[in-house]
Amino acid sequence: MSHQDQDGRVRYNAAYLKVALQWLLGQSLAVLRFRDDCTWSPLHLAATALLWAWSDESTLTERFVTARKIAALLYQPQQEFAESYQCFMKLLRRWTATLLSQLQAALRCRLRDALAAFWQVHGFALFGVDGSRIELPRTKSHEAAYSLARHKKPRQGKRNRRKKPRTAAHTMKANTPLLWLTVLWHAGTGLPWAWRIGPTDSSEREHWREMIPELPDNALVAADAGYVGYEYARALLDSGRQLLLRVGSNVRLLRKLGWTKESDSIVYLWPQHAQRSEPPIVLRLVVGHNGKHPIYLVTSVLSSRRLTDRQVIDIYRRRWGVELFFRHLKQTYQRRKLRSTSADNARVELEWSLLGLWGMALYAQAEIHKHHGDPTRISIACVLRSYRRMMRDYRHPAQRGRTLSSLLRCALCDQYIRTNKTSRNYPCKKQYDPPPRAPEILKASREEVLKARMLRAVLGKGVTA
């Protein structure tokens, strides 16, 4: 039975797609203008790009054809959009950075307003940060832009000659093009907040430092052992945000430095190169256990009244949700390997894939929360099927109880207990690296204590970590 409005008109599935797009885009693109002879507008281009990212067609060209048809029906422009996929991608390459900055700001406002109850965790806006690699087709364009071999210099003279010649396997591995994606992830909702994309040898810590200004004021960032570094921690703390890090044997911490009021849990991150002019970072050490080995965490929140040891451990446990986000992106959303053969197009494809995943999940969580459900139980697979069903049957009348809103309200993970498969002998089971060992914690030497006193005298009594 088809769905009818109160006025008796039959509503089609495409109408519900338009409602979702209007909720996501709103008036965020009203300030942008294309030139007068362009058949696209910023709103139409962004809506088509989102539909293009949501589509499940096998090729990018077919996705564009489908997205363009739906967008033309939804918005009915006076002049038809250009039919060329090359024209669409050329315009998208030029305007993606501008459109993304506007849409990211709009989605962040939507997230804070529609899911205000899930904005904070233990009194903080909690974020996790992590990185992952995205595969690319092996084309000359990708190899020149994103492979390790792009920095390879020709050997000169006998002094630089290798003792053993490179094998074909080594050469092929060096030429493998990959994108490095670093994501700043909101733990309360499980949605992305910001990201940076670069070649496979990009520094995820530099990506993280670039995203610090995009964090809200009351933010706490939880990161794994790979993000430890004095400069990066100092940049985050100087911005007024808080930090929680896992530390291992590659980190040297100090005790009894005398910089602040001492206690058994107070440690200092103060490497040798920073002792000349930079103050030490005062941290609180918390030791937890995951059932197999101890976990060493340090946080800039020094007061146990504001954040207890149990809450610190719970925050780090929640950080692992960013790994689940990458699984959704790569496996459920099928972005493990991109389809673009051009380096510029691949970056655009990944940007809009991330924005599309963020948008569809955010709208679904808002619908679930509006009808008194639990947004944290959202099933990305069900959400993706709901959107793609609407796109596949966009000209069909909406069935009662099968509208986009009703489908999203039911897009929740089941709660039955699954069988433990950890003992199964899988032939290609991933072998994880050994866990980090305990950090090196030393009592501050007399010279270090003297340096701290002299630095305090120079910087003044009002210095805080």
Protein backbone atom coordinates (compact mmCIF):
# COMPACT_ATOMS: atom_id res chain seq x y z
CA MET A 1 0.00 0.00 0.00
CA SER A 2 1.50 3.32 -1.06
CA HIS A 3 2.03 6.12 1.44
CA GLN A 4 -0.19 9.19 1.21
CA ASP A 5 0.05 12.58 2.87
CA GLN A 6 -2.88 14.16 4.68
CA ASP A 7 -3.80 16.03 1.52
CA GLY A 8 -4.21 12.73 -0.31
CA ARG A 9 -1.17 13.07 -2.58
CA VAL A 10 1.01 10.04 -3.09
CA ARG A 11 4.63 10.56 -1.99
CA TYR A 12 7.46 8.91 -3.85
CA ASN A 13 10.69 7.58 -2.40
CA ALA A 14 12.59 10.44 -4.04
CA ALA A 15 10.73 12.91 -1.80
CA TYR A 16 12.23 11.31 1.30
CA LEU A 17 15.69 11.50 -0.21
CA LYS A 18 15.12 15.22 -0.75
CA VAL A 19 14.06 15.64 2.89
CA ALA A 20 17.31 13.98 4.03
CA LEU A 21 19.41 16.14 1.69
CA GLN A 22 17.67 19.33 2.82
CA TRP A 23 18.29 18.41 6.46
CA LEU A 24 21.98 17.78 5.77
CA LEU A 25 22.68 20.69 3.43
CA GLY A 26 20.27 23.31 4.76
CA GLN A 27 21.38 26.85 3.87
CA SER A 28 25.09 26.11 4.27
CA LEU A 29 25.81 26.69 0.56
CA ALA A 30 23.67 29.79 0.05
CA VAL A 31 26.73 32.08 0.14
CA LEU A 32 28.44 30.27 -2.77
CA ARG A 33 27.90 31.12 -6.41
CA PHE A 34 29.07 29.59 -9.69
CA ARG A 35 29.42 31.60 -12.85
CA ASP A 36 26.22 32.40 -14.75
CA ASP A 37 26.80 30.06 -17.70
CA CYS A 38 27.33 27.00 -15.44
CA THR A 39 24.41 24.56 -15.48
CA TRP A 40 25.24 23.43 -11.94
CA SER A 41 24.65 25.33 -8.71
CA PRO A 42 26.53 24.67 -5.44
CA LEU A 43 23.44 23.04 -3.92
CA HIS A 44 22.84 20.80 -6.93
CA LEU A 45 26.51 19.84 -7.15
CA ALA A 46 26.73 18.94 -3.45
CA ALA A 47 23.47 16.96 -3.52
CA THR A 48 24.58 15.04 -6.63
CA ALA A 49 27.98 14.36 -5.08
CA LEU A 50 26.34 12.91 -1.95
CA LEU A 51 24.03 10.73 -4.05
CA TRP A 52 27.08 9.72 -6.09
CA ALA A 53 28.85 8.67 -2.89
CA TRP A 54 25.79 6.74 -1.63
CA SER A 55 25.21 4.83 -4.87
CA ASP A 56 26.11 1.14 -5.16
CA GLU A 57 26.66 1.04 -8.93
CA SER A 58 29.75 -0.86 -10.03
CA THR A 59 31.54 2.03 -11.74
CA LEU A 60 31.92 5.70 -10.91
CA THR A 61 30.37 6.75 -14.23
CA GLU A 62 27.25 4.68 -13.57
CA ARG A 63 27.02 6.17 -10.09
CA PHE A 64 27.09 9.64 -11.60
CA VAL A 65 24.37 8.78 -14.13
CA THR A 66 22.13 7.51 -11.34
CA ALA A 67 22.86 10.45 -9.03
CA ARG A 68 22.28 12.99 -11.80
CA LYS A 69 18.88 11.51 -12.69
CA ILE A 70 17.73 11.62 -9.08
CA ALA A 71 19.04 15.16 -8.51
CA ALA A 72 17.34 16.38 -11.69
CA LEU A 73 14.02 14.92 -10.50
CA LEU A 74 14.39 16.32 -6.97
CA TYR A 75 15.34 19.89 -7.88
CA GLN A 76 13.93 20.22 -11.44
CA PRO A 77 16.35 22.94 -12.57
CA GLN A 78 15.40 25.33 -15.36
CA GLN A 79 18.37 24.10 -17.36
CA GLU A 80 19.46 20.45 -17.30
CA PHE A 81 22.72 19.57 -15.60
CA ALA A 82 25.64 18.75 -17.86
CA GLU A 83 25.58 15.06 -18.76
CA SER A 84 29.35 14.59 -18.92
CA TYR A 85 31.01 12.74 -16.06
CA GLN A 86 34.28 14.52 -16.91
CA CYS A 87 32.58 17.89 -16.53
CA PHE A 88 31.12 16.81 -13.18
CA MET A 89 34.51 15.68 -11.88
CA LYS A 90 36.27 18.79 -13.15
CA LEU A 91 33.81 20.99 -11.28
CA LEU A 92 34.00 18.77 -8.20
CA ARG A 93 37.81 18.90 -8.13
CA ARG A 94 37.72 22.68 -8.26
CA TRP A 95 35.06 23.16 -5.58
CA THR A 96 35.47 20.20 -3.22
CA ALA A 97 37.64 22.05 -0.71
CA THR A 98 35.18 24.98 -0.48
CA LEU A 99 32.10 22.76 -0.34
CA LEU A 100 33.62 20.49 2.29
CA SER A 101 34.52 23.37 4.61
CA GLN A 102 30.93 24.63 4.46
CA LEU A 103 29.32 21.20 4.82
CA GLN A 104 31.59 20.06 7.64
CA ALA A 105 30.66 23.16 9.64
CA ALA A 106 26.96 22.50 8.96
CA LEU A 107 27.16 18.82 9.95
CA ARG A 108 29.01 19.68 13.16
CA CYS A 109 26.23 22.06 14.13
CA ARG A 110 23.65 19.39 13.28
CA LEU A 111 25.51 16.87 15.40
CA ARG A 112 25.66 19.13 18.45
CA ASP A 113 22.01 20.18 18.16
CA ALA A 114 20.32 16.90 17.22
CA LEU A 115 22.46 14.65 19.45
CA ALA A 116 23.17 16.99 22.36
CA ALA A 117 22.64 14.19 24.89
CA PHE A 118 25.58 12.29 23.36
CA TRP A 119 27.91 15.24 22.92
CA GLN A 120 29.94 14.73 26.10
CA VAL A 121 31.51 11.67 27.72
CA HIS A 122 32.54 12.04 31.39
CA GLY A 123 32.21 15.81 31.11
CA PHE A 124 34.34 16.20 27.95
CA ALA A 125 33.72 16.31 24.23
CA LEU A 126 35.67 13.10 23.64
CA PHE A 127 37.55 12.49 20.39
CA GLY A 128 39.74 9.67 19.18
CA VAL A 129 42.38 9.98 16.50
CA ASP A 130 43.84 7.26 14.30
CA GLY A 131 44.97 6.59 10.76
CA SER A 132 44.61 3.93 8.11
CA ARG A 133 45.69 3.28 4.54
CA ILE A 134 43.32 3.21 1.56
CA GLU A 135 44.27 1.17 -1.52
CA LEU A 136 44.38 2.65 -5.01
CA PRO A 137 44.51 1.21 -8.53
CA ARG A 138 48.06 0.76 -9.77
CA THR A 139 48.15 3.51 -12.38
CA LYS A 140 50.97 5.84 -13.38
CA SER A 141 49.09 8.80 -11.95
CA HIS A 142 48.71 7.14 -8.54
CA GLU A 143 52.28 5.83 -8.49
CA ALA A 144 53.64 9.31 -9.24
CA ALA A 145 51.54 10.96 -6.52
CA TYR A 146 51.12 8.41 -3.71
CA SER A 147 53.75 5.64 -3.85
CA LEU A 148 56.95 5.49 -1.83
CA ALA A 149 59.03 5.36 -4.98
CA ARG A 150 58.14 8.95 -5.91
CA HIS A 151 60.95 10.16 -3.57
CA LYS A 152 63.51 7.70 -4.87
CA LYS A 153 66.66 9.38 -6.16
CA PRO A 154 69.00 7.86 -8.74
CA ARG A 155 72.13 6.30 -7.31
CA GLN A 156 75.34 8.23 -7.93
CA GLY A 157 78.83 6.76 -7.71
CA LYS A 158 80.08 3.64 -5.99
CA ARG A 159 79.56 4.99 -2.49
CA ASN A 160 75.74 4.84 -2.76
CA ARG A 161 75.66 1.49 -4.58
CA ARG A 162 73.65 -1.15 -2.73
CA LYS A 163 75.42 -4.35 -1.74
CA LYS A 164 72.39 -6.42 -2.70
CA PRO A 165 70.32 -5.57 -5.77
CA ARG A 166 66.66 -4.80 -5.27
CA THR A 167 64.36 -7.66 -6.11
CA ALA A 168 61.25 -7.29 -8.25
CA ALA A 169 59.10 -7.79 -5.16
CA HIS A 170 60.80 -4.87 -3.38
CA THR A 171 60.31 -2.63 -6.40
CA MET A 172 56.63 -3.54 -6.74
CA LYS A 173 56.01 -2.94 -3.03
CA ALA A 174 57.67 0.48 -3.17
CA ASN A 175 55.55 1.42 -6.18
CA THR A 176 52.27 0.40 -4.52
CA PRO A 177 50.12 3.57 -4.37
CA LEU A 178 48.25 4.11 -1.10
CA LEU A 179 46.44 6.99 0.54
CA TRP A 180 46.96 7.70 4.24
CA LEU A 181 43.78 8.79 6.00
CA THR A 182 43.88 10.31 9.52
CA VAL A 183 40.48 10.75 11.16
CA LEU A 184 39.44 12.78 14.18
CA TRP A 185 36.46 10.78 15.47
CA HIS A 186 33.74 11.84 17.92
CA ALA A 187 33.36 9.07 20.51
CA GLY A 188 29.93 10.07 21.79
CA THR A 189 28.20 9.47 18.45
CA GLY A 190 30.76 7.33 16.60
CA LEU A 191 30.89 9.81 13.72
CA PRO A 192 33.88 11.52 12.08
CA TRP A 193 34.61 15.15 12.93
CA ALA A 194 37.57 16.00 10.70
CA TRP A 195 40.14 14.21 8.55
CA ARG A 196 43.31 14.69 6.56
CA ILE A 197 44.44 12.79 3.46
CA GLY A 198 47.98 12.36 2.16
CA PRO A 199 50.40 9.91 0.52
CA THR A 200 51.22 6.60 2.18
CA ASP A 201 54.26 8.03 4.01
CA SER A 202 52.36 10.97 5.52
CA SER A 203 52.83 11.76 9.20
CA GLU A 204 49.61 11.06 11.09
CA ARG A 205 50.89 13.18 13.98
CA GLU A 206 51.28 16.16 11.63
CA HIS A 207 47.77 15.49 10.35
CA TRP A 208 46.57 15.50 13.95
CA ARG A 209 48.29 18.81 14.68
CA GLU A 210 46.65 20.37 11.62
CA MET A 211 43.20 19.36 12.92
CA ILE A 212 43.63 20.79 16.44
CA PRO A 213 42.03 24.18 15.58
CA GLU A 214 38.89 22.35 14.40
CA LEU A 215 38.26 20.85 17.86
CA PRO A 216 35.64 22.38 20.19
CA ASP A 217 36.79 24.13 23.33
CA ASN A 218 35.96 21.44 25.90
CA ALA A 219 37.65 18.65 23.94
CA LEU A 220 39.69 15.71 25.19
CA VAL A 221 41.64 13.72 22.60
CA ALA A 222 42.45 10.06 23.28
CA ALA A 223 45.23 8.60 21.15
CA ASP A 224 47.34 5.47 20.92
CA ALA A 225 51.06 5.12 21.54
CA GLY A 226 51.94 6.22 18.01
CA TYR A 227 50.88 9.80 18.75
CA VAL A 228 53.28 10.41 21.63
CA GLY A 229 55.47 13.45 21.06
CA TYR A 230 56.34 16.54 23.08
CA GLU A 231 55.63 19.04 20.28
CA TYR A 232 52.24 17.56 19.42
CA ALA A 233 51.13 17.26 23.04
CA ARG A 234 52.26 20.82 23.72
CA ALA A 235 50.35 22.11 20.68
CA LEU A 236 47.14 20.46 21.91
CA LEU A 237 47.52 21.68 25.51
CA ASP A 238 48.41 25.21 24.45
CA SER A 239 45.14 25.32 22.50
CA GLY A 240 43.20 24.74 25.73
CA ARG A 241 42.21 21.13 25.02
CA GLN A 242 43.00 18.04 27.11
CA LEU A 243 44.96 14.90 26.25
CA LEU A 244 44.93 11.19 27.04
CA LEU A 245 47.72 9.03 25.60
CA ARG A 246 48.83 5.46 25.84
CA VAL A 247 52.59 5.28 26.44
CA GLY A 248 55.12 2.50 25.99
CA SER A 249 58.81 1.76 26.34
CA ASN A 250 59.74 4.39 23.74
CA VAL A 251 58.69 7.17 26.14
CA ARG A 252 60.86 8.59 28.91
CA LEU A 253 58.94 10.11 31.81
CA LEU A 254 60.31 11.90 34.89
CA ARG A 255 59.27 11.98 38.52
CA LYS A 256 60.08 14.39 41.35
CA LEU A 257 60.95 17.29 39.07
CA GLY A 258 59.46 19.84 41.46
CA TRP A 259 57.59 21.75 38.77
CA THR A 260 54.19 21.29 40.42
CA LYS A 261 52.71 19.74 43.56
CA GLU A 262 54.04 16.18 43.62
CA SER A 263 52.08 12.96 44.11
CA ASP A 264 52.61 9.30 43.26
CA SER A 265 50.73 9.64 39.96
CA ILE A 266 52.41 12.84 38.68
CA VAL A 267 54.93 12.38 35.87
CA TYR A 268 56.58 14.78 33.43
CA LEU A 269 57.17 14.58 29.70
CA TRP A 270 60.31 16.65 29.17
CA PRO A 271 62.72 15.35 26.51
CA GLN A 272 66.29 16.59 26.29
CA HIS A 273 65.71 18.87 23.30
CA ALA A 274 62.88 20.70 25.10
CA GLN A 275 64.80 21.33 28.32
CA ARG A 276 66.57 24.39 26.94
CA SER A 277 63.59 26.71 26.70
CA GLU A 278 60.33 24.73 26.85
CA PRO A 279 58.49 23.88 30.10
CA PRO A 280 57.79 20.25 31.04
CA ILE A 281 54.35 18.77 30.39
CA VAL A 282 52.75 17.69 33.66
CA LEU A 283 50.76 14.47 33.30
CA ARG A 284 48.97 11.97 35.47
CA LEU A 285 49.88 8.30 35.11
CA VAL A 286 47.09 5.72 35.24
CA VAL A 287 47.80 1.98 34.97
CA GLY A 288 45.00 -0.30 33.81
CA HIS A 289 44.77 -3.92 32.71
CA ASN A 290 42.96 -5.43 29.76
CA GLY A 291 43.02 -9.02 31.05
CA LYS A 292 46.26 -9.90 29.24
CA HIS A 293 48.78 -7.18 30.04
CA PRO A 294 48.93 -3.78 31.79
CA ILE A 295 48.12 -0.58 29.91
CA TYR A 296 49.93 2.65 30.78
CA LEU A 297 47.97 5.85 30.20
CA VAL A 298 48.87 9.48 30.82
CA THR A 299 46.41 12.37 30.86
CA SER A 300 46.66 16.12 31.23
CA VAL A 301 43.61 16.08 33.52
CA LEU A 302 45.48 16.05 36.82
CA SER A 303 42.53 16.12 39.24
CA SER A 304 41.03 12.72 40.03
CA ARG A 305 37.86 14.52 41.07
CA ARG A 306 37.32 15.76 37.55
CA LEU A 307 38.32 12.45 35.95
CA THR A 308 38.78 9.31 38.03
CA ASP A 309 41.17 6.49 37.12
CA ARG A 310 38.23 4.30 36.15
CA GLN A 311 36.90 7.01 33.84
CA VAL A 312 40.36 7.42 32.26
CA ILE A 313 40.43 3.70 31.45
CA ASP A 314 36.86 3.85 30.12
CA ILE A 315 37.77 6.77 27.85
CA TYR A 316 40.67 4.85 26.36
CA ARG A 317 38.40 1.83 25.87
CA ARG A 318 35.93 4.01 23.97
CA ARG A 319 38.75 5.24 21.70
CA TRP A 320 38.81 1.82 20.08
CA GLY A 321 35.54 2.73 18.36
CA VAL A 322 37.58 4.56 15.72
CA GLU A 323 38.79 1.13 14.54
CA LEU A 324 35.15 0.15 14.09
CA PHE A 325 34.63 3.30 12.01
CA PHE A 326 37.46 2.26 9.67
CA ARG A 327 35.86 -1.18 9.33
CA HIS A 328 32.57 0.48 8.37
CA LEU A 329 34.37 2.67 5.82
CA LYS A 330 36.42 -0.09 4.23
CA GLN A 331 34.24 -3.17 4.51
CA THR A 332 30.60 -2.12 4.88
CA TYR A 333 30.89 1.02 2.74
CA GLN A 334 33.32 -0.77 0.37
CA ARG A 335 36.01 1.89 0.28
CA ARG A 336 38.94 -0.41 0.99
CA LYS A 337 40.10 0.28 -2.56
CA LEU A 338 39.02 3.35 -4.50
CA ARG A 339 37.97 3.19 -8.14
CA SER A 340 39.38 6.44 -9.52
CA THR A 341 42.35 6.02 -11.85
CA SER A 342 43.48 9.64 -11.51
CA ALA A 343 45.29 10.88 -8.43
CA ASP A 344 43.20 14.07 -8.19
CA ASN A 345 39.94 12.20 -8.67
CA ALA A 346 40.86 9.61 -6.03
CA ARG A 347 41.24 12.29 -3.40
CA VAL A 348 37.85 13.75 -4.37
CA GLU A 349 36.27 10.30 -4.26
CA LEU A 350 37.56 9.66 -0.74
CA GLU A 351 36.55 13.12 0.53
CA TRP A 352 32.95 12.71 -0.63
CA SER A 353 32.82 9.09 0.53
CA LEU A 354 33.69 10.25 4.04
CA LEU A 355 31.20 13.11 3.88
CA GLY A 356 28.53 10.75 2.52
CA LEU A 357 29.07 8.21 5.29
CA TRP A 358 29.02 10.96 7.92
CA GLY A 359 25.85 12.53 6.49
CA MET A 360 23.80 9.35 6.14
CA ALA A 361 24.76 8.10 9.62
CA LEU A 362 24.09 11.49 11.25
CA TYR A 363 20.62 11.76 9.71
CA ALA A 364 19.86 8.18 10.78
CA GLN A 365 20.99 8.82 14.36
CA ALA A 366 18.88 11.98 14.51
CA GLU A 367 15.82 10.00 13.36
CA ILE A 368 16.49 7.24 15.88
CA HIS A 369 16.96 9.72 18.72
CA LYS A 370 13.85 11.69 17.72
CA HIS A 371 11.77 8.53 18.13
CA HIS A 372 13.34 7.68 21.52
CA GLY A 373 15.78 5.06 20.26
CA ASP A 374 19.45 4.60 21.10
CA PRO A 375 21.61 6.20 18.38
CA THR A 376 24.74 4.42 19.63
CA ARG A 377 23.27 1.10 18.43
CA ILE A 378 23.12 2.27 14.81
CA SER A 379 23.82 -0.35 12.14
CA ILE A 380 25.74 1.21 9.25
CA ALA A 381 24.89 -1.76 7.02
CA CYS A 382 21.16 -1.24 7.58
CA VAL A 383 21.49 2.51 7.06
CA LEU A 384 23.32 1.98 3.79
CA ARG A 385 20.69 -0.50 2.57
CA SER A 386 17.92 1.97 3.44
CA TYR A 387 19.43 4.80 1.42
CA ARG A 388 20.25 2.59 -1.54
CA ARG A 389 16.75 1.14 -1.57
CA MET A 390 15.35 4.67 -1.81
CA MET A 391 17.76 5.46 -4.65
CA ARG A 392 17.01 2.24 -6.50
CA ASP A 393 13.22 2.80 -6.28
CA TYR A 394 13.23 6.58 -6.31
CA ARG A 395 10.31 6.76 -8.79
CA HIS A 396 8.17 4.28 -6.84
CA PRO A 397 5.45 5.39 -4.43
CA ALA A 398 6.60 5.04 -0.82
CA GLN A 399 5.06 2.07 0.97
CA ARG A 400 3.50 2.61 4.37
CA GLY A 401 6.03 1.70 7.03
CA ARG A 402 8.82 1.52 4.42
CA THR A 403 9.72 5.20 4.11
CA LEU A 404 13.30 6.33 4.62
CA SER A 405 12.53 7.61 8.11
CA SER A 406 10.85 4.38 9.20
CA LEU A 407 13.67 2.26 7.76
CA LEU A 408 16.31 4.34 9.54
CA ARG A 409 14.48 4.09 12.86
CA CYS A 410 14.88 0.31 12.60
CA ALA A 411 18.54 0.46 11.50
CA LEU A 412 19.86 -0.81 14.83
CA CYS A 413 22.36 -3.52 15.69
CA ASP A 414 20.89 -6.71 17.12
CA GLN A 415 21.71 -7.62 20.70
CA TYR A 416 22.11 -11.38 20.61
CA ILE A 417 25.36 -12.85 21.96
CA ARG A 418 27.65 -14.05 19.21
CA THR A 419 29.92 -17.07 19.31
CA ASN A 420 33.51 -16.43 20.32
CA LYS A 421 35.69 -17.26 17.31
CA THR A 422 39.08 -16.19 18.68
CA SER A 423 40.31 -19.80 18.86
CA ARG A 424 39.51 -20.55 15.23
CA ASN A 425 42.58 -21.35 13.13
CA TYR A 426 42.04 -18.96 10.23
CA PRO A 427 44.65 -19.38 7.46
CA CYS A 428 45.12 -15.61 6.94
CA LYS A 429 44.59 -14.45 10.50
CA LYS A 430 46.20 -11.07 11.13
CA GLN A 431 49.24 -11.19 13.38
CA TYR A 432 49.24 -8.13 15.63
CA ASP A 433 52.37 -6.46 16.91
CA PRO A 434 53.29 -7.15 20.54
CA PRO A 435 51.75 -4.65 23.00
CA PRO A 436 53.82 -1.69 24.19
CA ARG A 437 55.91 -2.36 27.28
CA ALA A 438 56.06 -0.17 30.36
CA PRO A 439 57.40 3.37 29.82
CA GLU A 440 60.77 4.37 31.21
CA ILE A 441 60.02 6.31 34.39
CA LEU A 442 63.08 7.89 36.04
CA LYS A 443 63.61 10.15 38.98
CA ALA A 444 64.66 13.57 37.74
CA SER A 445 68.37 14.16 38.06
CA ARG A 446 69.84 17.07 39.98
CA GLU A 447 70.70 18.84 36.72
CA GLU A 448 67.12 18.47 35.44
CA VAL A 449 65.68 19.81 38.69
CA LEU A 450 68.06 22.80 38.46
CA LYS A 451 67.05 23.42 34.83
CA ALA A 452 63.39 23.35 35.84
CA ARG A 453 63.99 25.91 38.60
CA MET A 454 65.91 28.22 36.29
CA LEU A 455 63.27 27.91 33.57
CA ARG A 456 60.51 28.66 36.06
CA ALA A 457 62.38 31.79 37.14
CA VAL A 458 62.68 32.90 33.51
CA LEU A 459 59.10 32.15 32.50
CA GLY A 460 57.55 33.46 35.70
CA LYS A 461 55.46 32.05 38.47
CA GLY A 462 52.30 31.90 36.41
CA VAL A 463 53.54 29.03 34.23
CA THR A 464 51.18 26.07 33.97
CA ALA A 465 51.50 22.87 32.01
